[in-house]
N, C-alpha and C. Protein backbone atom coordinates (compact mmCIF):
# COMPACT_ATOMS: atom_id res chain seq x y z
N MET A 1 203.18 95.65 134.48
CA MET A 1 201.95 95.38 134.18
C MET A 1 201.13 96.00 133.20
N THR A 2 199.61 95.08 133.17
CA THR A 2 199.27 95.43 131.93
C THR A 2 197.92 96.66 132.46
N LYS A 3 197.55 97.49 131.91
CA LYS A 3 197.16 98.50 132.10
C LYS A 3 194.98 97.86 131.79
N LEU A 4 194.62 98.03 132.50
CA LEU A 4 192.69 97.14 132.29
C LEU A 4 192.70 98.58 131.32
N PRO A 5 191.16 97.99 130.74
CA PRO A 5 190.86 99.26 129.55
C PRO A 5 189.97 99.75 130.14
N LYS A 6 189.78 101.00 130.00
CA LYS A 6 189.23 101.50 130.70
C LYS A 6 187.33 100.98 131.04
N ILE A 7 187.00 100.60 130.00
CA ILE A 7 185.66 99.79 129.93
C ILE A 7 185.46 98.82 131.33
N ALA A 8 186.91 98.04 131.25
CA ALA A 8 186.73 96.63 132.00
C ALA A 8 186.78 97.54 133.77
N LEU A 9 187.30 98.59 133.87
CA LEU A 9 187.76 99.54 135.34
C LEU A 9 185.87 99.71 135.05
N ALA A 10 185.27 100.87 134.61
CA ALA A 10 183.39 100.78 134.38
C ALA A 10 182.73 100.00 134.34
N LEU A 11 183.44 98.62 134.17
CA LEU A 11 181.97 97.47 134.66
C LEU A 11 182.67 96.88 136.17
N ALA A 12 183.70 96.97 136.49
CA ALA A 12 184.27 96.97 138.14
C ALA A 12 183.65 97.24 138.68
N ALA A 13 183.22 98.63 138.63
CA ALA A 13 182.65 99.39 139.48
C ALA A 13 181.39 99.43 139.44
N PHE A 14 180.24 99.35 138.40
CA PHE A 14 179.14 99.24 137.95
C PHE A 14 178.80 97.81 138.19
N LEU A 15 178.83 96.81 138.38
CA LEU A 15 178.49 95.71 138.77
C LEU A 15 178.00 95.26 140.04
N PRO A 16 178.69 95.48 141.14
CA PRO A 16 178.11 95.59 142.27
C PRO A 16 177.04 95.82 142.80
N ILE A 17 176.92 97.61 141.98
CA ILE A 17 175.75 98.37 142.07
C ILE A 17 174.63 97.77 141.10
N ALA A 18 174.54 96.99 139.84
CA ALA A 18 173.28 96.85 139.21
C ALA A 18 172.81 95.62 139.27
N LEU A 19 173.92 94.47 140.02
CA LEU A 19 173.71 93.17 139.95
C LEU A 19 172.84 92.79 141.33
N PRO A 20 173.16 93.55 142.41
CA PRO A 20 172.24 92.77 143.19
C PRO A 20 170.09 92.97 142.74
N PRO A 21 170.28 94.31 142.46
CA PRO A 21 168.77 94.63 141.99
C PRO A 21 168.27 93.22 140.87
N LEU A 22 169.14 93.05 139.83
CA LEU A 22 168.75 92.07 139.29
C LEU A 22 168.58 90.81 138.97
N LEU A 23 169.34 90.65 140.31
CA LEU A 23 169.02 89.37 141.43
C LEU A 23 167.36 88.85 142.03
N LEU A 24 167.47 90.10 142.55
CA LEU A 24 166.31 90.33 143.95
C LEU A 24 165.17 90.16 142.33
N ASP A 25 165.21 90.55 141.47
CA ASP A 25 164.05 90.44 140.53
C ASP A 25 164.10 89.35 139.80
N ALA A 26 165.38 88.52 139.68
CA ALA A 26 164.94 86.83 139.32
C ALA A 26 164.28 86.41 139.99
N GLN A 27 164.35 86.39 141.64
CA GLN A 27 163.99 86.07 142.51
C GLN A 27 162.30 86.36 142.83
N ALA A 28 161.97 87.84 142.69
CA ALA A 28 160.65 88.09 142.64
C ALA A 28 159.69 87.39 141.71
N HIS A 29 160.22 87.45 140.35
CA HIS A 29 159.29 87.10 139.19
C HIS A 29 159.83 85.55 138.96
N PRO A 30 159.92 84.38 139.40
CA PRO A 30 160.57 83.06 139.54
C PRO A 30 159.79 82.46 137.93
N SER A 31 160.93 81.58 137.43
CA SER A 31 160.80 80.99 135.83
C SER A 31 160.53 79.80 135.74
N SER A 32 161.18 78.92 136.85
CA SER A 32 160.41 77.75 136.41
C SER A 32 159.00 77.54 137.15
N GLU A 33 158.82 76.22 136.67
CA GLU A 33 157.53 75.71 137.55
C GLU A 33 157.89 75.59 139.06
N LYS A 34 158.48 74.88 139.18
CA LYS A 34 159.11 74.55 140.67
C LYS A 34 159.41 75.65 141.84
N GLN A 35 159.88 76.74 140.90
CA GLN A 35 160.22 77.74 141.62
C GLN A 35 158.43 78.71 141.80
N LYS A 36 158.19 78.48 140.95
CA LYS A 36 156.25 79.04 140.75
C LYS A 36 155.64 78.22 142.39
N ILE A 37 155.57 77.12 142.55
CA ILE A 37 155.28 76.36 143.38
C ILE A 37 155.74 76.62 144.68
N GLU A 38 157.17 76.70 144.92
CA GLU A 38 157.58 77.55 145.93
C GLU A 38 157.10 78.36 146.53
N LEU A 39 157.08 79.38 145.34
CA LEU A 39 156.82 80.93 145.89
C LEU A 39 155.52 81.13 146.31
N LEU A 40 154.71 79.92 145.60
CA LEU A 40 152.69 79.76 146.25
C LEU A 40 153.09 79.38 147.54
N ILE A 41 153.75 78.58 147.94
CA ILE A 41 153.60 77.97 149.31
C ILE A 41 154.21 78.92 150.15
N LYS A 42 155.48 79.84 149.90
CA LYS A 42 155.87 80.57 150.69
C LYS A 42 154.98 81.42 151.23
N ARG A 43 154.56 81.79 149.72
CA ARG A 43 153.49 83.12 150.07
C ARG A 43 152.43 82.65 151.22
N VAL A 44 151.48 81.70 150.85
CA VAL A 44 150.84 81.15 151.90
C VAL A 44 151.08 81.27 153.26
N GLY A 45 152.46 80.94 153.27
CA GLY A 45 153.27 80.85 154.90
C GLY A 45 153.16 82.01 155.45
N GLU A 46 153.13 83.22 154.54
CA GLU A 46 153.22 84.69 155.08
C GLU A 46 152.05 85.26 155.53
N LEU A 47 151.22 85.03 154.85
CA LEU A 47 149.66 86.00 155.36
C LEU A 47 149.52 85.90 156.61
N LYS A 48 148.61 87.22 156.95
CA LYS A 48 148.39 87.39 158.39
C LYS A 48 147.07 87.57 158.83
N ASP A 49 146.00 87.54 157.68
CA ASP A 49 144.92 87.95 158.23
C ASP A 49 143.95 86.40 157.62
N VAL A 50 144.52 85.31 157.46
CA VAL A 50 144.12 84.18 156.89
C VAL A 50 144.05 82.81 157.68
N LYS A 51 142.87 81.97 157.48
CA LYS A 51 143.23 80.68 158.35
C LYS A 51 142.57 80.11 157.17
N PHE A 52 143.12 78.24 157.11
CA PHE A 52 143.07 77.77 156.27
C PHE A 52 142.40 76.69 156.62
N VAL A 53 141.13 76.18 155.79
CA VAL A 53 139.69 74.81 156.38
C VAL A 53 140.42 73.79 155.43
N ARG A 54 140.86 72.54 156.78
CA ARG A 54 140.75 71.32 155.97
C ARG A 54 140.31 70.11 156.64
N ASN A 55 139.36 69.03 155.70
CA ASN A 55 138.44 68.66 156.65
C ASN A 55 138.09 68.83 158.20
N GLY A 56 137.34 70.04 157.75
CA GLY A 56 136.77 70.62 158.92
C GLY A 56 137.90 71.15 160.06
N SER A 57 139.46 71.04 160.22
CA SER A 57 139.85 72.05 160.91
C SER A 57 140.68 72.95 160.08
N THR A 58 140.45 74.14 161.03
CA THR A 58 140.80 75.42 161.17
C THR A 58 142.99 75.46 161.32
N TYR A 59 143.15 75.88 160.26
CA TYR A 59 145.27 76.15 160.27
C TYR A 59 145.35 77.20 160.30
N ASN A 60 146.66 77.55 160.79
CA ASN A 60 147.21 79.18 160.47
C ASN A 60 147.87 78.91 159.20
N PRO A 61 148.15 79.80 159.07
CA PRO A 61 148.97 79.88 157.56
C PRO A 61 150.17 79.60 157.07
N GLY A 62 151.21 79.09 158.31
CA GLY A 62 152.61 78.13 158.68
C GLY A 62 152.32 77.01 159.11
N THR A 63 151.43 76.30 159.37
CA THR A 63 150.58 75.65 159.49
C THR A 63 150.39 74.50 157.91
N ALA A 64 149.74 75.13 157.85
CA ALA A 64 149.05 75.38 155.83
C ALA A 64 150.35 74.67 154.56
N ALA A 65 150.95 76.01 155.01
CA ALA A 65 151.90 75.95 154.27
C ALA A 65 153.13 74.44 154.18
N ALA A 66 152.91 74.69 155.40
CA ALA A 66 154.13 73.08 155.56
C ALA A 66 153.23 71.58 155.18
N PHE A 67 152.15 71.84 155.45
CA PHE A 67 151.44 71.17 155.26
C PHE A 67 151.27 70.63 153.23
N LEU A 68 150.84 71.37 153.09
CA LEU A 68 150.90 72.07 151.44
C LEU A 68 152.12 71.68 150.53
N CYS A 69 153.76 71.59 151.35
CA CYS A 69 154.89 71.43 151.08
C CYS A 69 155.16 69.74 150.94
N ARG A 70 154.16 69.34 152.33
CA ARG A 70 154.74 67.37 152.34
C ARG A 70 153.74 67.34 151.58
N LYS A 71 152.60 67.57 150.99
CA LYS A 71 151.84 67.18 150.30
C LYS A 71 152.22 66.83 148.46
N TRP A 72 152.78 68.32 148.05
CA TRP A 72 153.45 68.45 147.11
C TRP A 72 154.79 66.92 147.46
N GLN A 73 155.42 67.55 148.14
CA GLN A 73 156.93 65.94 147.99
C GLN A 73 155.80 65.15 147.64
N ALA A 74 155.31 64.50 148.81
CA ALA A 74 154.61 63.09 148.41
C ALA A 74 153.74 62.50 146.57
N ASN A 75 153.47 63.91 146.22
CA ASN A 75 152.81 63.77 145.33
C ASN A 75 153.77 64.40 143.77
N GLU A 76 154.73 64.82 143.90
CA GLU A 76 155.79 65.56 143.10
C GLU A 76 156.19 64.92 141.48
N SER A 77 156.06 63.37 141.85
CA SER A 77 155.57 63.26 140.07
C SER A 77 154.88 63.31 139.11
N GLN A 78 153.66 63.86 140.42
CA GLN A 78 152.18 64.35 139.56
C GLN A 78 151.90 65.59 138.88
N ILE A 79 153.23 66.50 139.35
CA ILE A 79 153.03 67.70 139.42
C ILE A 79 153.85 68.07 138.12
N LYS A 80 153.32 68.81 137.59
CA LYS A 80 154.60 69.26 136.56
C LYS A 80 154.73 70.75 136.31
N THR A 81 153.30 71.58 136.46
CA THR A 81 153.44 72.77 136.57
C THR A 81 152.75 73.37 137.58
N ALA A 82 152.83 74.75 137.81
CA ALA A 82 152.20 75.40 138.93
C ALA A 82 150.78 75.31 138.71
N ARG A 83 150.24 75.35 137.79
CA ARG A 83 148.87 75.00 137.71
C ARG A 83 147.90 73.63 137.89
N ASP A 84 149.08 72.79 138.05
CA ASP A 84 148.84 71.24 138.59
C ASP A 84 149.09 70.99 139.49
N PHE A 85 149.62 71.85 140.73
CA PHE A 85 149.67 71.97 141.77
C PHE A 85 148.67 72.14 142.52
N ILE A 86 147.90 73.99 142.03
CA ILE A 86 146.66 74.20 142.73
C ILE A 86 145.90 73.04 142.42
N GLU A 87 145.24 73.14 141.25
CA GLU A 87 144.24 72.11 140.53
C GLU A 87 144.59 70.30 141.46
N LYS A 88 145.56 69.87 141.63
CA LYS A 88 145.96 68.37 142.12
C LYS A 88 146.20 68.32 143.31
N ILE A 89 146.94 69.65 144.08
CA ILE A 89 147.33 69.62 145.48
C ILE A 89 146.64 70.49 146.73
N ALA A 90 146.73 71.72 146.08
CA ALA A 90 146.06 73.01 146.97
C ALA A 90 144.45 73.09 146.91
N SER A 91 144.03 72.13 146.27
CA SER A 91 142.51 72.84 145.91
C SER A 91 141.32 71.62 146.98
N PHE A 92 141.82 70.61 147.09
CA PHE A 92 141.34 69.60 148.26
C PHE A 92 141.57 68.54 148.37
N SER A 93 140.95 67.93 149.96
CA SER A 93 141.51 66.54 150.68
C SER A 93 141.75 65.60 149.36
N GLY A 94 142.60 64.65 149.52
CA GLY A 94 143.22 63.81 148.60
C GLY A 94 142.29 62.61 149.41
N THR A 95 142.08 62.51 150.80
CA THR A 95 141.21 61.89 151.79
C THR A 95 140.13 61.65 152.01
N SER A 96 139.06 63.40 151.94
CA SER A 96 137.93 63.25 151.88
C SER A 96 137.36 63.77 150.44
N GLY A 97 138.23 64.58 149.77
CA GLY A 97 137.28 65.07 148.29
C GLY A 97 136.64 66.43 149.13
N LYS A 98 137.04 66.72 149.81
CA LYS A 98 136.23 68.07 149.95
C LYS A 98 137.22 69.46 149.96
N ASP A 99 136.45 70.42 149.84
CA ASP A 99 137.51 71.42 148.98
C ASP A 99 138.31 72.30 150.32
N TYR A 100 139.79 72.50 150.20
CA TYR A 100 140.30 73.35 151.06
C TYR A 100 139.61 74.48 151.08
N LEU A 101 139.42 75.22 152.57
CA LEU A 101 138.59 76.80 152.00
C LEU A 101 140.08 77.58 152.68
N SER A 102 139.98 78.60 152.83
CA SER A 102 140.36 80.23 153.18
C SER A 102 139.90 80.68 153.93
N LEU A 103 139.86 80.82 154.95
CA LEU A 103 139.22 81.95 155.58
C LEU A 103 139.71 83.46 156.22
N ARG A 104 139.26 84.74 155.29
CA ARG A 104 139.80 85.77 155.62
C ARG A 104 138.78 86.65 156.63
N ILE A 105 139.36 87.17 157.85
CA ILE A 105 139.01 87.44 158.71
C ILE A 105 138.20 88.65 157.91
N ASN A 106 136.97 88.69 158.96
CA ASN A 106 136.09 89.73 158.32
C ASN A 106 135.56 90.19 156.50
N ARG A 107 136.52 89.06 155.85
CA ARG A 107 135.79 88.86 155.19
C ARG A 107 134.77 87.34 154.70
N GLY A 108 134.63 86.41 154.80
CA GLY A 108 134.10 85.42 154.49
C GLY A 108 135.09 84.16 154.32
N GLN A 109 134.86 83.23 153.89
CA GLN A 109 135.71 82.06 153.15
C GLN A 109 135.16 82.11 151.96
N TYR A 110 136.30 81.20 151.20
CA TYR A 110 136.27 80.85 149.50
C TYR A 110 137.07 79.66 149.92
N PRO A 111 137.01 79.36 148.37
CA PRO A 111 137.92 77.95 147.89
C PRO A 111 139.06 78.26 147.83
N SER A 112 140.24 77.43 148.58
CA SER A 112 141.91 78.16 148.24
C SER A 112 142.04 77.82 146.74
N ASN A 113 141.73 77.55 146.02
CA ASN A 113 142.06 77.61 144.84
C ASN A 113 141.59 78.66 144.09
N TYR A 114 140.75 79.73 144.36
CA TYR A 114 140.77 80.86 143.99
C TYR A 114 141.64 82.34 144.77
N TYR A 115 142.60 81.45 145.98
CA TYR A 115 143.40 82.07 145.71
C TYR A 115 144.91 82.54 145.42
N PHE A 116 145.18 80.46 145.32
CA PHE A 116 146.16 80.55 144.43
C PHE A 116 146.05 80.74 142.85
N GLY A 117 144.78 80.71 142.47
CA GLY A 117 144.72 81.07 140.94
C GLY A 117 145.09 82.49 140.84
N TRP A 118 144.49 83.50 141.96
CA TRP A 118 144.90 84.89 141.63
C TRP A 118 146.32 84.67 142.06
N ARG A 119 146.68 84.07 142.89
CA ARG A 119 148.54 84.95 143.43
C ARG A 119 149.22 84.28 142.21
N LEU A 120 148.83 83.15 141.55
CA LEU A 120 149.62 82.71 140.67
C LEU A 120 149.87 83.85 139.15
N THR A 121 148.75 84.22 139.03
CA THR A 121 149.15 85.58 138.17
C THR A 121 149.60 87.16 138.31
N ARG A 122 150.34 87.00 139.66
CA ARG A 122 150.79 87.97 140.40
C ARG A 122 152.45 88.21 140.04
C-alpha cells in the first residue's frame, strides 16, 4: 500500500472542520443577483414586528413574501438585478400603482422600498 503524504492526511483532518463555515459564509453573502433576490424575499418572510400594506390591505410577512415571490416569477424576464426587483416588483402595485408600505409596530409606516434598499446593503 502507498503511504499518503503528511499534507494529505492533514487536509483530510482539517477540511471537515474548515469547510462548513466557509459554505455558511457563502450562503450568508449571496453572489448572484438571483440569490440576492431570494434572500430579500426570505428576509421578508422572517420578519416578526412588521406588516405589509398592498392596495389598502394588510398582510403578514409570510404572505407578503409569498406574493413577492409569485410576482417576481411572473415578471422574471424583466428583472436582471436585485435593484430591478426592488424598483419593479417590491415597491408598488402593478394594478393600482400605489406604493407598498411596511408597518413597523410602534414605529409607523414607510415605503417598502426603503426596507429593501437597506436590506440589500447588508
